[in-house]
Amino acid sequence: MSVSTSDNARQTLRAFLAKYSILLAFGAIVVFFATASPTFLTPTNLFNVLVNNVVMLAIVALGLTIVISSGGIDLSVGVSIDMASMIFVMLLAAGYSGFVGVGGGLAAALVVGALNAILITRLKISPFLATLGVLFIGQSTQQLATSGGQPIYLTSGYAGDQFNAIARTALLGIPTPVIVLILCAIAVYLLLHRSVFGRYVQAMGAQPGVAWHSGIRVPRELSLVYVGCALLAGITGILLSATVKSYVPLSGNAFLLDAIGATFIGTTLSRERKPTVAGTLLGVLLLAVVKNGLLLIGWNFYWQQVGIGLLVFLVLAASFGLRRASH
C-alpha cells in the first residue's frame, strides 16, 4: 500500500513538473539573472525588454501559433514582415499619409499569405516547401526592389512624425506597441480558443483526414490560417519600421527561429502539447529575458544563441520526458 502511495506521489510530482516546467524555468532564470546583474530588475531594463524584445516577436509568434495548431508551418513570416515594412516606408517616402502607408504595408503582407494559401490549398504543396519557396522569392524580390539590399532611411519631416505616431506614443501610460500586442493576443485567443474557426483549426492539426471527412472546408480554413499569420507578421513589419525609422531588407528573418522556438516552448503548458496563446506569450517572454540577461552579464551574440538553443532543448526535453514518465 505504501509503495503504491509512493508511486502515485512520484507520478503526481512528475506530472506537475512536466506541466509547469516552463514556469519553473522562467522563475529560475529570473532569479539567476537578478543575482548576476544588478540592473536586470530595474524598471528601465524591464520596460526595454517588454517594448523592444517582446512585443514584435510575440505578434509573429501568435501568427505561428495559429499555423502550427493547424498542423502546418510558415517559414515565410520574415518575408511578410519585410514586405510590409518595405511598402510602408516606400509609401511614406513618396509623401503618402500614415494611414495609406499602414494599409499598403498590410496589403503587401496579405499578398504573401494569399500566395502561401494558393500553393498549399490549390497546388497541394506541403506547407514546409511552399513557404520555403515563398521565402526565397521574397528575399530576391526585396533585393531587386532595393538595388541589391540597400536600406531606406526616413528620419525627419512628415515621415518621421508618422513613425513617431506609431512607435513613440502611449495611451494611459501604455506604449502603443504594447497595446497593439494586447489587441492581437486577445483576437488570436478568441479565434483559436473560443470560436468555430478555432475548433476547425485544432481538428485539422490533430486529425487532418477526419477533419476533411467531417465536412470542414479545409482549403478555406487553411487559407484563413496562412493569411492571418501573414497579417500578424505584417503588423510586426510596420512596428519594426516605425521603431527604427527605416526599412532594412531581410531583417524579418531574424524573427523566424525565435518565434518557432517560443511557440513550441509554449506547448509544454498544454496537456495535449498543443500551442496556446498563453504558452506562446510565456515562451516569448522566456526567450526575451534570457537574451537580455545574457547581454547584461557580458555574453557576446554568438554565445547568446548557444544559450538560447540549450534553453529550448532543456525545457522541451524535461517537459516531454517527465510527461512520459508520469504515464
C-alpha atoms as a PDB file:
ATOM      1  CA  MET A   1       0.000   0.000   0.000  1.00  0.00           C
ATOM      2  CA  SER A   2       2.797   2.391   0.934  1.00  0.00           C
ATOM      3  CA  VAL A   3       4.674   1.507  -2.235  1.00  0.00           C
ATOM      4  CA  SER A   4       1.604   2.311  -4.317  1.00  0.00           C
ATOM      5  CA  THR A   5       1.140   5.589  -2.479  1.00  0.00           C
ATOM      6  CA  SER A   6       4.781   6.472  -3.062  1.00  0.00           C
ATOM      7  CA  ASP A   7       4.493   5.658  -6.758  1.00  0.00           C
ATOM      8  CA  ASN A   8       1.379   7.793  -7.076  1.00  0.00           C
ATOM      9  CA  ALA A   9       3.140  10.674  -5.347  1.00  0.00           C
ATOM     10  CA  ARG A  10       6.094  10.426  -7.712  1.00  0.00           C
ATOM     11  CA  GLN A  11       3.800  10.327 -10.737  1.00  0.00           C
ATOM     12  CA  THR A  12       1.898  13.348  -9.460  1.00  0.00           C
ATOM     13  CA  LEU A  13       5.159  15.217  -8.935  1.00  0.00           C
ATOM     14  CA  ARG A  14       6.388  14.316 -12.423  1.00  0.00           C
ATOM     15  CA  ALA A  15       3.091  15.432 -13.959  1.00  0.00           C
ATOM     16  CA  PHE A  16       3.296  18.731 -12.070  1.00  0.00           C
ATOM     17  CA  LEU A  17       6.894  19.330 -13.150  1.00  0.00           C
ATOM     18  CA  ALA A  18       6.071  18.424 -16.756  1.00  0.00           C
ATOM     19  CA  LYS A  19       3.107  20.785 -16.942  1.00  0.00           C
ATOM     20  CA  TYR A  20       4.771  23.728 -15.237  1.00  0.00           C
ATOM     21  CA  SER A  21       8.361  23.197 -16.385  1.00  0.00           C
ATOM     22  CA  ILE A  22       8.326  26.437 -18.380  1.00  0.00           C
ATOM     23  CA  LEU A  23       7.108  28.433 -15.375  1.00  0.00           C
ATOM     24  CA  LEU A  24       9.724  26.841 -13.137  1.00  0.00           C
ATOM     25  CA  ALA A  25      12.428  27.501 -15.728  1.00  0.00           C
ATOM     26  CA  PHE A  26      11.288  31.102 -16.057  1.00  0.00           C
ATOM     27  CA  GLY A  27      11.414  31.632 -12.291  1.00  0.00           C
ATOM     28  CA  ALA A  28      14.868  30.078 -12.011  1.00  0.00           C
ATOM     29  CA  ILE A  29      16.186  32.205 -14.888  1.00  0.00           C
ATOM     30  CA  VAL A  30      14.824  35.421 -13.382  1.00  0.00           C
ATOM     31  CA  VAL A  31      16.425  34.616 -10.016  1.00  0.00           C
ATOM     32  CA  PHE A  32      19.749  33.804 -11.681  1.00  0.00           C
ATOM     33  CA  PHE A  33      19.951  36.996 -13.734  1.00  0.00           C
ATOM     34  CA  ALA A  34      18.673  39.140 -10.862  1.00  0.00           C
ATOM     35  CA  THR A  35      21.563  37.798  -8.802  1.00  0.00           C
ATOM     36  CA  ALA A  36      24.138  38.059 -11.594  1.00  0.00           C
ATOM     37  CA  SER A  37      23.255  41.575 -12.779  1.00  0.00           C
ATOM     38  CA  PRO A  38      22.158  44.460 -10.519  1.00  0.00           C
ATOM     39  CA  THR A  39      20.434  46.212 -13.437  1.00  0.00           C
ATOM     40  CA  PHE A  40      18.312  43.238 -14.529  1.00  0.00           C
ATOM     41  CA  LEU A  41      15.258  44.019 -12.369  1.00  0.00           C
ATOM     42  CA  THR A  42      15.392  47.791 -12.766  1.00  0.00           C
ATOM     43  CA  PRO A  43      12.190  49.335 -14.228  1.00  0.00           C
ATOM     44  CA  THR A  44      14.102  50.771 -17.183  1.00  0.00           C
ATOM     45  CA  ASN A  45      15.533  47.416 -18.178  1.00  0.00           C
ATOM     46  CA  LEU A  46      12.231  45.568 -17.746  1.00  0.00           C
ATOM     47  CA  PHE A  47      10.472  48.222 -19.832  1.00  0.00           C
ATOM     48  CA  ASN A  48      13.061  47.837 -22.593  1.00  0.00           C
ATOM     49  CA  VAL A  49      12.653  44.056 -22.535  1.00  0.00           C
ATOM     50  CA  LEU A  50       8.890  44.368 -22.906  1.00  0.00           C
ATOM     51  CA  VAL A  51       8.788  47.029 -25.618  1.00  0.00           C
ATOM     52  CA  ASN A  52      11.911  46.193 -27.607  1.00  0.00           C
ATOM     53  CA  ASN A  53      12.267  42.419 -27.188  1.00  0.00           C
ATOM     54  CA  VAL A  54       8.814  41.018 -26.505  1.00  0.00           C
ATOM     55  CA  VAL A  55       6.197  42.932 -28.487  1.00  0.00           C
ATOM     56  CA  MET A  56       7.223  42.301 -32.089  1.00  0.00           C
ATOM     57  CA  LEU A  57       8.412  38.734 -31.538  1.00  0.00           C
ATOM     58  CA  ALA A  58       5.192  37.916 -29.690  1.00  0.00           C
ATOM     59  CA  ILE A  59       2.980  39.150 -32.535  1.00  0.00           C
ATOM     60  CA  VAL A  60       4.887  36.988 -35.028  1.00  0.00           C
ATOM     61  CA  ALA A  61       4.711  34.006 -32.660  1.00  0.00           C
ATOM     62  CA  LEU A  62       0.941  34.455 -32.289  1.00  0.00           C
ATOM     63  CA  GLY A  63       0.610  34.009 -36.045  1.00  0.00           C
ATOM     64  CA  LEU A  64       2.727  30.875 -35.938  1.00  0.00           C
ATOM     65  CA  THR A  65       0.618  29.615 -33.041  1.00  0.00           C
ATOM     66  CA  ILE A  66      -2.367  29.514 -35.384  1.00  0.00           C
ATOM     67  CA  VAL A  67      -0.384  27.876 -38.188  1.00  0.00           C
ATOM     68  CA  ILE A  68       1.228  25.213 -36.000  1.00  0.00           C
ATOM     69  CA  SER A  69      -2.136  24.482 -34.382  1.00  0.00           C
ATOM     70  CA  SER A  70      -3.427  23.622 -37.870  1.00  0.00           C
ATOM     71  CA  GLY A  71      -0.588  21.148 -38.365  1.00  0.00           C
ATOM     72  CA  GLY A  72       1.418  23.391 -40.688  1.00  0.00           C
ATOM     73  CA  ILE A  73       4.401  25.705 -40.609  1.00  0.00           C
ATOM     74  CA  ASP A  74       5.166  29.095 -42.133  1.00  0.00           C
ATOM     75  CA  LEU A  75       8.804  29.769 -42.948  1.00  0.00           C
ATOM     76  CA  SER A  76       7.912  32.945 -44.823  1.00  0.00           C
ATOM     77  CA  VAL A  77       6.878  35.111 -41.868  1.00  0.00           C
ATOM     78  CA  GLY A  78      10.102  37.059 -42.334  1.00  0.00           C
ATOM     79  CA  VAL A  79       9.047  37.882 -45.889  1.00  0.00           C
ATOM     80  CA  SER A  80       5.645  39.099 -44.666  1.00  0.00           C
ATOM     81  CA  ILE A  81       7.434  41.318 -42.142  1.00  0.00           C
ATOM     82  CA  ASP A  82       9.844  42.682 -44.729  1.00  0.00           C
ATOM     83  CA  MET A  83       7.297  43.286 -47.475  1.00  0.00           C
ATOM     84  CA  ALA A  84       5.018  45.177 -45.092  1.00  0.00           C
ATOM     85  CA  SER A  85       7.978  47.192 -43.851  1.00  0.00           C
ATOM     86  CA  MET A  86       9.228  47.964 -47.357  1.00  0.00           C
ATOM     87  CA  ILE A  87       5.890  49.115 -48.785  1.00  0.00           C
ATOM     88  CA  PHE A  88       5.098  51.093 -45.637  1.00  0.00           C
ATOM     89  CA  VAL A  89       8.378  53.017 -45.800  1.00  0.00           C
ATOM     90  CA  MET A  90       8.219  53.499 -49.562  1.00  0.00           C
ATOM     91  CA  LEU A  91       4.723  54.984 -49.367  1.00  0.00           C
ATOM     92  CA  LEU A  92       5.748  57.383 -46.617  1.00  0.00           C
ATOM     93  CA  ALA A  93       8.832  58.344 -48.613  1.00  0.00           C
ATOM     94  CA  ALA A  94       6.571  59.119 -51.564  1.00  0.00           C
ATOM     95  CA  GLY A  95       4.585  61.536 -49.418  1.00  0.00           C
ATOM     96  CA  TYR A  96       1.527  59.439 -48.632  1.00  0.00           C
ATOM     97  CA  SER A  97      -0.153  59.599 -45.229  1.00  0.00           C
ATOM     98  CA  GLY A  98       0.492  57.174 -42.421  1.00  0.00           C
ATOM     99  CA  PHE A  99      -2.905  55.545 -42.960  1.00  0.00           C
ATOM    100  CA  VAL A 100      -2.076  54.837 -46.581  1.00  0.00           C
ATOM    101  CA  GLY A 101       1.365  53.546 -45.567  1.00  0.00           C
ATOM    102  CA  VAL A 102      -0.068  51.178 -42.972  1.00  0.00           C
ATOM    103  CA  GLY A 103      -2.772  49.979 -45.360  1.00  0.00           C
ATOM    104  CA  GLY A 104      -0.273  49.375 -48.147  1.00  0.00           C
ATOM    105  CA  GLY A 105       2.120  47.544 -45.844  1.00  0.00           C
ATOM    106  CA  LEU A 106      -0.585  45.246 -44.521  1.00  0.00           C
ATOM    107  CA  ALA A 107      -1.844  44.613 -48.056  1.00  0.00           C
ATOM    108  CA  ALA A 108       1.670  43.531 -49.081  1.00  0.00           C
ATOM    109  CA  ALA A 109       1.789  41.067 -46.188  1.00  0.00           C
ATOM    110  CA  LEU A 110      -1.642  39.719 -47.145  1.00  0.00           C
ATOM    111  CA  VAL A 111      -0.345  39.041 -50.666  1.00  0.00           C
ATOM    112  CA  VAL A 112       2.373  36.842 -49.157  1.00  0.00           C
ATOM    113  CA  GLY A 113      -0.217  34.984 -47.085  1.00  0.00           C
ATOM    114  CA  ALA A 114      -2.506  34.558 -50.084  1.00  0.00           C
ATOM    115  CA  LEU A 115       0.374  33.145 -52.137  1.00  0.00           C
ATOM    116  CA  ASN A 116       1.096  30.617 -49.387  1.00  0.00           C
ATOM    117  CA  ALA A 117      -2.583  29.691 -49.254  1.00  0.00           C
ATOM    118  CA  ILE A 118      -2.789  29.115 -53.019  1.00  0.00           C
ATOM    119  CA  LEU A 119       0.339  26.950 -53.073  1.00  0.00           C
ATOM    120  CA  ILE A 120      -0.839  24.861 -50.122  1.00  0.00           C
ATOM    121  CA  THR A 121      -4.580  24.523 -50.771  1.00  0.00           C
ATOM    122  CA  ARG A 122      -4.763  24.647 -54.565  1.00  0.00           C
ATOM    123  CA  LEU A 123      -1.473  23.187 -55.731  1.00  0.00           C
ATOM    124  CA  LYS A 124      -1.277  20.788 -52.747  1.00  0.00           C
ATOM    125  CA  ILE A 125       2.335  21.646 -51.957  1.00  0.00           C
ATOM    126  CA  SER A 126       3.390  20.847 -48.398  1.00  0.00           C
ATOM    127  CA  PRO A 127       3.446  23.886 -46.087  1.00  0.00           C
ATOM    128  CA  PHE A 128       7.167  23.496 -45.479  1.00  0.00           C
ATOM    129  CA  LEU A 129       8.104  23.533 -49.168  1.00  0.00           C
ATOM    130  CA  ALA A 130       5.509  26.131 -50.154  1.00  0.00           C
ATOM    131  CA  THR A 131       6.536  28.662 -47.530  1.00  0.00           C
ATOM    132  CA  LEU A 132      10.219  27.909 -48.104  1.00  0.00           C
ATOM    133  CA  GLY A 133       9.746  28.745 -51.784  1.00  0.00           C
ATOM    134  CA  VAL A 134       7.941  31.968 -50.895  1.00  0.00           C
ATOM    135  CA  LEU A 135      10.814  32.779 -48.546  1.00  0.00           C
ATOM    136  CA  PHE A 136      13.338  32.544 -51.386  1.00  0.00           C
ATOM    137  CA  ILE A 137      11.137  34.534 -53.784  1.00  0.00           C
ATOM    138  CA  GLY A 138      10.514  37.213 -51.168  1.00  0.00           C
ATOM    139  CA  GLN A 139      14.184  37.629 -50.393  1.00  0.00           C
ATOM    140  CA  SER A 140      15.045  38.055 -54.060  1.00  0.00           C
ATOM    141  CA  THR A 141      12.166  40.493 -54.554  1.00  0.00           C
ATOM    142  CA  GLN A 142      13.470  42.725 -51.777  1.00  0.00           C
ATOM    143  CA  GLN A 143      16.967  42.748 -53.191  1.00  0.00           C
ATOM    144  CA  LEU A 144      15.695  43.608 -56.676  1.00  0.00           C
ATOM    145  CA  ALA A 145      13.482  46.388 -55.325  1.00  0.00           C
ATOM    146  CA  THR A 146      16.258  47.971 -53.261  1.00  0.00           C
ATOM    147  CA  SER A 147      19.240  47.800 -55.664  1.00  0.00           C
ATOM    148  CA  GLY A 148      20.805  44.782 -54.018  1.00  0.00           C
ATOM    149  CA  GLY A 149      19.550  45.265 -50.475  1.00  0.00           C
ATOM    150  CA  GLN A 150      20.071  48.956 -49.704  1.00  0.00           C
ATOM    151  CA  PRO A 151      18.212  50.176 -46.586  1.00  0.00           C
ATOM    152  CA  ILE A 152      15.701  53.010 -46.853  1.00  0.00           C
ATOM    153  CA  TYR A 153      16.038  55.619 -44.104  1.00  0.00           C
ATOM    154  CA  LEU A 154      13.437  58.207 -43.161  1.00  0.00           C
ATOM    155  CA  THR A 155      14.480  60.186 -40.121  1.00  0.00           C
ATOM    156  CA  SER A 156      12.915  63.626 -40.396  1.00  0.00           C
ATOM    157  CA  GLY A 157       9.973  65.659 -41.594  1.00  0.00           C
ATOM    158  CA  TYR A 158       6.470  64.380 -42.168  1.00  0.00           C
ATOM    159  CA  ALA A 159       7.514  60.752 -42.459  1.00  0.00           C
ATOM    160  CA  GLY A 160       9.359  60.963 -39.154  1.00  0.00           C
ATOM    161  CA  ASP A 161       6.205  62.291 -37.484  1.00  0.00           C
ATOM    162  CA  GLN A 162       4.248  59.336 -38.850  1.00  0.00           C
ATOM    163  CA  PHE A 163       6.815  56.921 -37.419  1.00  0.00           C
ATOM    164  CA  ASN A 164       6.643  58.599 -34.032  1.00  0.00           C
ATOM    165  CA  ALA A 165       2.842  58.419 -34.005  1.00  0.00           C
ATOM    166  CA  ILE A 166       3.056  54.631 -34.201  1.00  0.00           C
ATOM    167  CA  ALA A 167       6.091  53.773 -32.090  1.00  0.00           C
ATOM    168  CA  ARG A 168       6.546  56.618 -29.593  1.00  0.00           C
ATOM    169  CA  THR A 169       3.037  57.355 -28.329  1.00  0.00           C
ATOM    170  CA  ALA A 170       1.183  55.882 -25.354  1.00  0.00           C
ATOM    171  CA  LEU A 171      -2.367  55.508 -24.080  1.00  0.00           C
ATOM    172  CA  LEU A 172      -2.895  55.741 -20.322  1.00  0.00           C
ATOM    173  CA  GLY A 173       0.836  55.263 -19.917  1.00  0.00           C
ATOM    174  CA  ILE A 174       0.904  52.081 -22.012  1.00  0.00           C
ATOM    175  CA  PRO A 175       3.102  52.316 -25.137  1.00  0.00           C
ATOM    176  CA  THR A 176       1.228  51.936 -28.402  1.00  0.00           C
ATOM    177  CA  PRO A 177       3.186  48.803 -29.480  1.00  0.00           C
ATOM    178  CA  VAL A 178       2.180  47.080 -26.224  1.00  0.00           C
ATOM    179  CA  ILE A 179      -1.461  47.982 -26.842  1.00  0.00           C
ATOM    180  CA  VAL A 180      -1.179  46.509 -30.337  1.00  0.00           C
ATOM    181  CA  LEU A 181       0.224  43.278 -28.855  1.00  0.00           C
ATOM    182  CA  ILE A 182      -2.600  43.084 -26.305  1.00  0.00           C
ATOM    183  CA  LEU A 183      -5.226  43.522 -29.015  1.00  0.00           C
ATOM    184  CA  CYS A 184      -3.554  40.898 -31.217  1.00  0.00           C
ATOM    185  CA  ALA A 185      -3.322  38.433 -28.324  1.00  0.00           C
ATOM    186  CA  ILE A 186      -6.999  38.891 -27.445  1.00  0.00           C
ATOM    187  CA  ALA A 187      -8.025  38.465 -31.083  1.00  0.00           C
ATOM    188  CA  VAL A 188      -5.961  35.290 -31.551  1.00  0.00           C
ATOM    189  CA  TYR A 189      -7.196  33.866 -28.237  1.00  0.00           C
ATOM    190  CA  LEU A 190     -10.833  34.402 -29.208  1.00  0.00           C
ATOM    191  CA  LEU A 191     -10.290  32.976 -32.688  1.00  0.00           C
ATOM    192  CA  LEU A 192      -8.225  29.971 -31.631  1.00  0.00           C
ATOM    193  CA  HIS A 193      -9.834  29.025 -28.318  1.00  0.00           C
ATOM    194  CA  ARG A 194     -13.363  30.466 -28.386  1.00  0.00           C
ATOM    195  CA  SER A 195     -14.663  30.190 -31.946  1.00  0.00           C
ATOM    196  CA  VAL A 196     -15.809  27.665 -34.527  1.00  0.00           C
ATOM    197  CA  PHE A 197     -12.785  28.604 -36.645  1.00  0.00           C
ATOM    198  CA  GLY A 198     -10.505  27.646 -33.750  1.00  0.00           C
ATOM    199  CA  ARG A 199     -12.171  24.261 -33.387  1.00  0.00           C
ATOM    200  CA  TYR A 200     -11.683  23.659 -37.087  1.00  0.00           C
ATOM    201  CA  VAL A 201      -8.023  24.630 -36.810  1.00  0.00           C
ATOM    202  CA  GLN A 202      -7.480  22.270 -33.882  1.00  0.00           C
ATOM    203  CA  ALA A 203      -9.244  19.472 -35.745  1.00  0.00           C
ATOM    204  CA  MET A 204      -7.073  19.941 -38.828  1.00  0.00           C
ATOM    205  CA  GLY A 205      -3.968  19.852 -36.673  1.00  0.00           C
ATOM    206  CA  ALA A 206      -4.992  16.732 -34.748  1.00  0.00           C
ATOM    207  CA  GLN A 207      -6.573  14.599 -37.494  1.00  0.00           C
ATOM    208  CA  PRO A 208      -6.486  16.133 -40.977  1.00  0.00           C
ATOM    209  CA  GLY A 209      -8.278  13.222 -42.638  1.00  0.00           C
ATOM    210  CA  VAL A 210     -11.088  13.197 -40.115  1.00  0.00           C
ATOM    211  CA  ALA A 211     -11.449  16.971 -40.417  1.00  0.00           C
ATOM    212  CA  TRP A 212     -11.870  16.671 -44.179  1.00  0.00           C
ATOM    213  CA  HIS A 213     -14.486  13.905 -43.989  1.00  0.00           C
ATOM    214  CA  SER A 214     -16.409  15.631 -41.206  1.00  0.00           C
ATOM    215  CA  GLY A 215     -17.401  18.417 -43.559  1.00  0.00           C
ATOM    216  CA  ILE A 216     -14.858  21.080 -42.623  1.00  0.00           C
ATOM    217  CA  ARG A 217     -13.907  23.198 -45.633  1.00  0.00           C
ATOM    218  CA  VAL A 218     -10.228  22.538 -45.150  1.00  0.00           C
ATOM    219  CA  PRO A 219      -8.923  24.678 -48.076  1.00  0.00           C
ATOM    220  CA  ARG A 220     -10.876  27.713 -46.900  1.00  0.00           C
ATOM    221  CA  GLU A 221      -9.858  27.323 -43.267  1.00  0.00           C
ATOM    222  CA  LEU A 222      -6.202  26.754 -44.171  1.00  0.00           C
ATOM    223  CA  SER A 223      -6.277  29.833 -46.389  1.00  0.00           C
ATOM    224  CA  LEU A 224      -7.512  31.896 -43.445  1.00  0.00           C
ATOM    225  CA  VAL A 225      -4.772  30.404 -41.277  1.00  0.00           C
ATOM    226  CA  TYR A 226      -1.925  31.477 -43.570  1.00  0.00           C
ATOM    227  CA  VAL A 227      -3.438  34.837 -44.444  1.00  0.00           C
ATOM    228  CA  GLY A 228      -3.971  35.544 -40.739  1.00  0.00           C
ATOM    229  CA  CYS A 229      -0.387  34.609 -39.929  1.00  0.00           C
ATOM    230  CA  ALA A 230       0.880  36.911 -42.679  1.00  0.00           C
ATOM    231  CA  LEU A 231      -1.305  39.747 -41.411  1.00  0.00           C
ATOM    232  CA  LEU A 232       0.156  39.484 -37.915  1.00  0.00           C
ATOM    233  CA  ALA A 233       3.659  39.394 -39.382  1.00  0.00           C
ATOM    234  CA  GLY A 234       2.775  42.482 -41.422  1.00  0.00           C
ATOM    235  CA  ILE A 235       1.769  44.314 -38.253  1.00  0.00           C
ATOM    236  CA  THR A 236       5.197  43.441 -36.879  1.00  0.00           C
ATOM    237  CA  GLY A 237       6.835  44.853 -40.009  1.00  0.00           C
ATOM    238  CA  ILE A 238       5.061  48.177 -39.548  1.00  0.00           C
ATOM    239  CA  LEU A 239       6.021  48.360 -35.867  1.00  0.00           C
ATOM    240  CA  LEU A 240       9.607  47.446 -36.728  1.00  0.00           C
ATOM    241  CA  SER A 241       9.953  50.206 -39.305  1.00  0.00           C
ATOM    242  CA  ALA A 242       8.262  52.741 -37.047  1.00  0.00           C
ATOM    243  CA  THR A 243      10.660  51.852 -34.233  1.00  0.00           C
ATOM    244  CA  VAL A 244      13.926  52.034 -36.205  1.00  0.00           C
ATOM    245  CA  LYS A 245      12.630  54.683 -38.660  1.00  0.00           C
ATOM    246  CA  SER A 246      13.803  52.730 -41.665  1.00  0.00           C
ATOM    247  CA  TYR A 247      13.424  49.623 -43.785  1.00  0.00           C
ATOM    248  CA  VAL A 248      16.288  47.150 -43.717  1.00  0.00           C
ATOM    249  CA  PRO A 249      15.992  44.321 -46.290  1.00  0.00           C
ATOM    250  CA  LEU A 250      15.806  40.764 -44.919  1.00  0.00           C
ATOM    251  CA  SER A 251      15.579  41.956 -41.307  1.00  0.00           C
ATOM    252  CA  GLY A 252      12.377  39.981 -40.792  1.00  0.00           C
ATOM    253  CA  ASN A 253      14.234  36.679 -40.994  1.00  0.00           C
ATOM    254  CA  ALA A 254      15.660  37.339 -37.535  1.00  0.00           C
ATOM    255  CA  PHE A 255      12.224  36.669 -36.034  1.00  0.00           C
ATOM    256  CA  LEU A 256      11.578  33.262 -37.604  1.00  0.00           C
ATOM    257  CA  LEU A 257      13.531  30.824 -35.445  1.00  0.00           C
ATOM    258  CA  ASP A 258      12.820  32.635 -32.176  1.00  0.00           C
ATOM    259  CA  ALA A 259       9.092  32.705 -32.963  1.00  0.00           C
ATOM    260  CA  ILE A 260       9.044  28.998 -33.767  1.00  0.00           C
ATOM    261  CA  GLY A 261      11.060  28.225 -30.630  1.00  0.00           C
ATOM    262  CA  ALA A 262       8.768  30.314 -28.417  1.00  0.00           C
ATOM    263  CA  THR A 263       5.672  28.634 -29.837  1.00  0.00           C
ATOM    264  CA  PHE A 264       6.983  25.128 -29.216  1.00  0.00           C
ATOM    265  CA  ILE A 265       8.224  26.045 -25.749  1.00  0.00           C
ATOM    266  CA  GLY A 266       4.691  27.210 -25.030  1.00  0.00           C
ATOM    267  CA  THR A 267       3.270  23.785 -25.909  1.00  0.00           C
ATOM    268  CA  THR A 268       4.632  22.500 -22.602  1.00  0.00           C
ATOM    269  CA  LEU A 269       1.749  24.287 -20.846  1.00  0.00           C
ATOM    270  CA  SER A 270      -0.797  22.155 -22.696  1.00  0.00           C
ATOM    271  CA  ARG A 271      -1.596  18.601 -21.659  1.00  0.00           C
ATOM    272  CA  GLU A 272      -2.110  17.766 -25.349  1.00  0.00           C
ATOM    273  CA  ARG A 273       1.159  19.525 -26.273  1.00  0.00           C
ATOM    274  CA  LYS A 274      -0.719  21.985 -28.457  1.00  0.00           C
ATOM    275  CA  PRO A 275       0.205  25.635 -28.997  1.00  0.00           C
ATOM    276  CA  THR A 276      -1.776  28.094 -26.907  1.00  0.00           C
ATOM    277  CA  VAL A 277      -1.799  31.871 -26.738  1.00  0.00           C
ATOM    278  CA  ALA A 278      -0.752  31.896 -23.076  1.00  0.00           C
ATOM    279  CA  GLY A 279       2.011  29.369 -23.679  1.00  0.00           C
ATOM    280  CA  THR A 280       3.357  31.243 -26.695  1.00  0.00           C
ATOM    281  CA  LEU A 281       3.457  34.551 -24.838  1.00  0.00           C
ATOM    282  CA  LEU A 282       5.273  32.915 -21.952  1.00  0.00           C
ATOM    283  CA  GLY A 283       7.714  31.301 -24.375  1.00  0.00           C
ATOM    284  CA  VAL A 284       8.430  34.684 -25.964  1.00  0.00           C
ATOM    285  CA  LEU A 285       8.929  36.274 -22.544  1.00  0.00           C
ATOM    286  CA  LEU A 286      11.306  33.475 -21.565  1.00  0.00           C
ATOM    287  CA  LEU A 287      13.463  33.932 -24.668  1.00  0.00           C
ATOM    288  CA  ALA A 288      13.459  37.717 -24.292  1.00  0.00           C
ATOM    289  CA  VAL A 289      14.531  37.515 -20.654  1.00  0.00           C
ATOM    290  CA  VAL A 290      17.333  35.084 -21.498  1.00  0.00           C
ATOM    291  CA  LYS A 291      18.628  37.292 -24.332  1.00  0.00           C
ATOM    292  CA  ASN A 292      18.543  40.371 -22.148  1.00  0.00           C
ATOM    293  CA  GLY A 293      20.127  38.630 -19.176  1.00  0.00           C
ATOM    294  CA  LEU A 294      22.960  37.149 -21.215  1.00  0.00           C
ATOM    295  CA  LEU A 295      23.646  40.567 -22.702  1.00  0.00           C
ATOM    296  CA  LEU A 296      23.776  42.176 -19.263  1.00  0.00           C
ATOM    297  CA  ILE A 297      26.252  39.630 -17.921  1.00  0.00           C
ATOM    298  CA  GLY A 298      28.533  40.147 -20.919  1.00  0.00           C
ATOM    299  CA  TRP A 299      27.919  37.211 -23.239  1.00  0.00           C
ATOM    300  CA  ASN A 300      28.502  38.051 -26.892  1.00  0.00           C
ATOM    301  CA  PHE A 301      25.897  37.450 -29.592  1.00  0.00           C
ATOM    302  CA  TYR A 302      27.149  34.024 -30.658  1.00  0.00           C
ATOM    303  CA  TRP A 303      27.187  32.638 -27.135  1.00  0.00           C
ATOM    304  CA  GLN A 304      23.705  34.068 -26.638  1.00  0.00           C
ATOM    305  CA  GLN A 305      22.480  31.875 -29.487  1.00  0.00           C
ATOM    306  CA  VAL A 306      24.109  28.848 -27.867  1.00  0.00           C
ATOM    307  CA  GLY A 307      22.424  29.655 -24.570  1.00  0.00           C
ATOM    308  CA  ILE A 308      19.006  30.077 -26.169  1.00  0.00           C
ATOM    309  CA  GLY A 309      19.381  26.833 -28.118  1.00  0.00           C
ATOM    310  CA  LEU A 310      20.281  24.938 -24.962  1.00  0.00           C
ATOM    311  CA  LEU A 311      17.351  26.507 -23.134  1.00  0.00           C
ATOM    312  CA  VAL A 312      14.850  25.411 -25.792  1.00  0.00           C
ATOM    313  CA  PHE A 313      16.279  21.898 -25.763  1.00  0.00           C
ATOM    314  CA  LEU A 314      16.309  21.556 -21.986  1.00  0.00           C
ATOM    315  CA  VAL A 315      12.794  22.913 -21.426  1.00  0.00           C
ATOM    316  CA  LEU A 316      11.248  20.713 -24.113  1.00  0.00           C
ATOM    317  CA  ALA A 317      13.263  17.623 -23.182  1.00  0.00           C
ATOM    318  CA  ALA A 318      12.464  17.988 -19.486  1.00  0.00           C
ATOM    319  CA  SER A 319       8.761  18.581 -20.067  1.00  0.00           C
ATOM    320  CA  PHE A 320       8.213  15.760 -22.531  1.00  0.00           C
ATOM    321  CA  GLY A 321      10.465  13.350 -20.623  1.00  0.00           C
ATOM    322  CA  LEU A 322       8.655  13.976 -17.344  1.00  0.00           C
ATOM    323  CA  ARG A 323       5.283  13.746 -19.081  1.00  0.00           C
ATOM    324  CA  ARG A 324       6.136  10.312 -20.495  1.00  0.00           C
ATOM    325  CA  ALA A 325       7.421   9.134 -17.133  1.00  0.00           C
ATOM    326  CA  SER A 326       4.206  10.225 -15.393  1.00  0.00           C
ATOM    327  CA  HIS A 327       2.034   7.962 -17.580  1.00  0.00           C
END
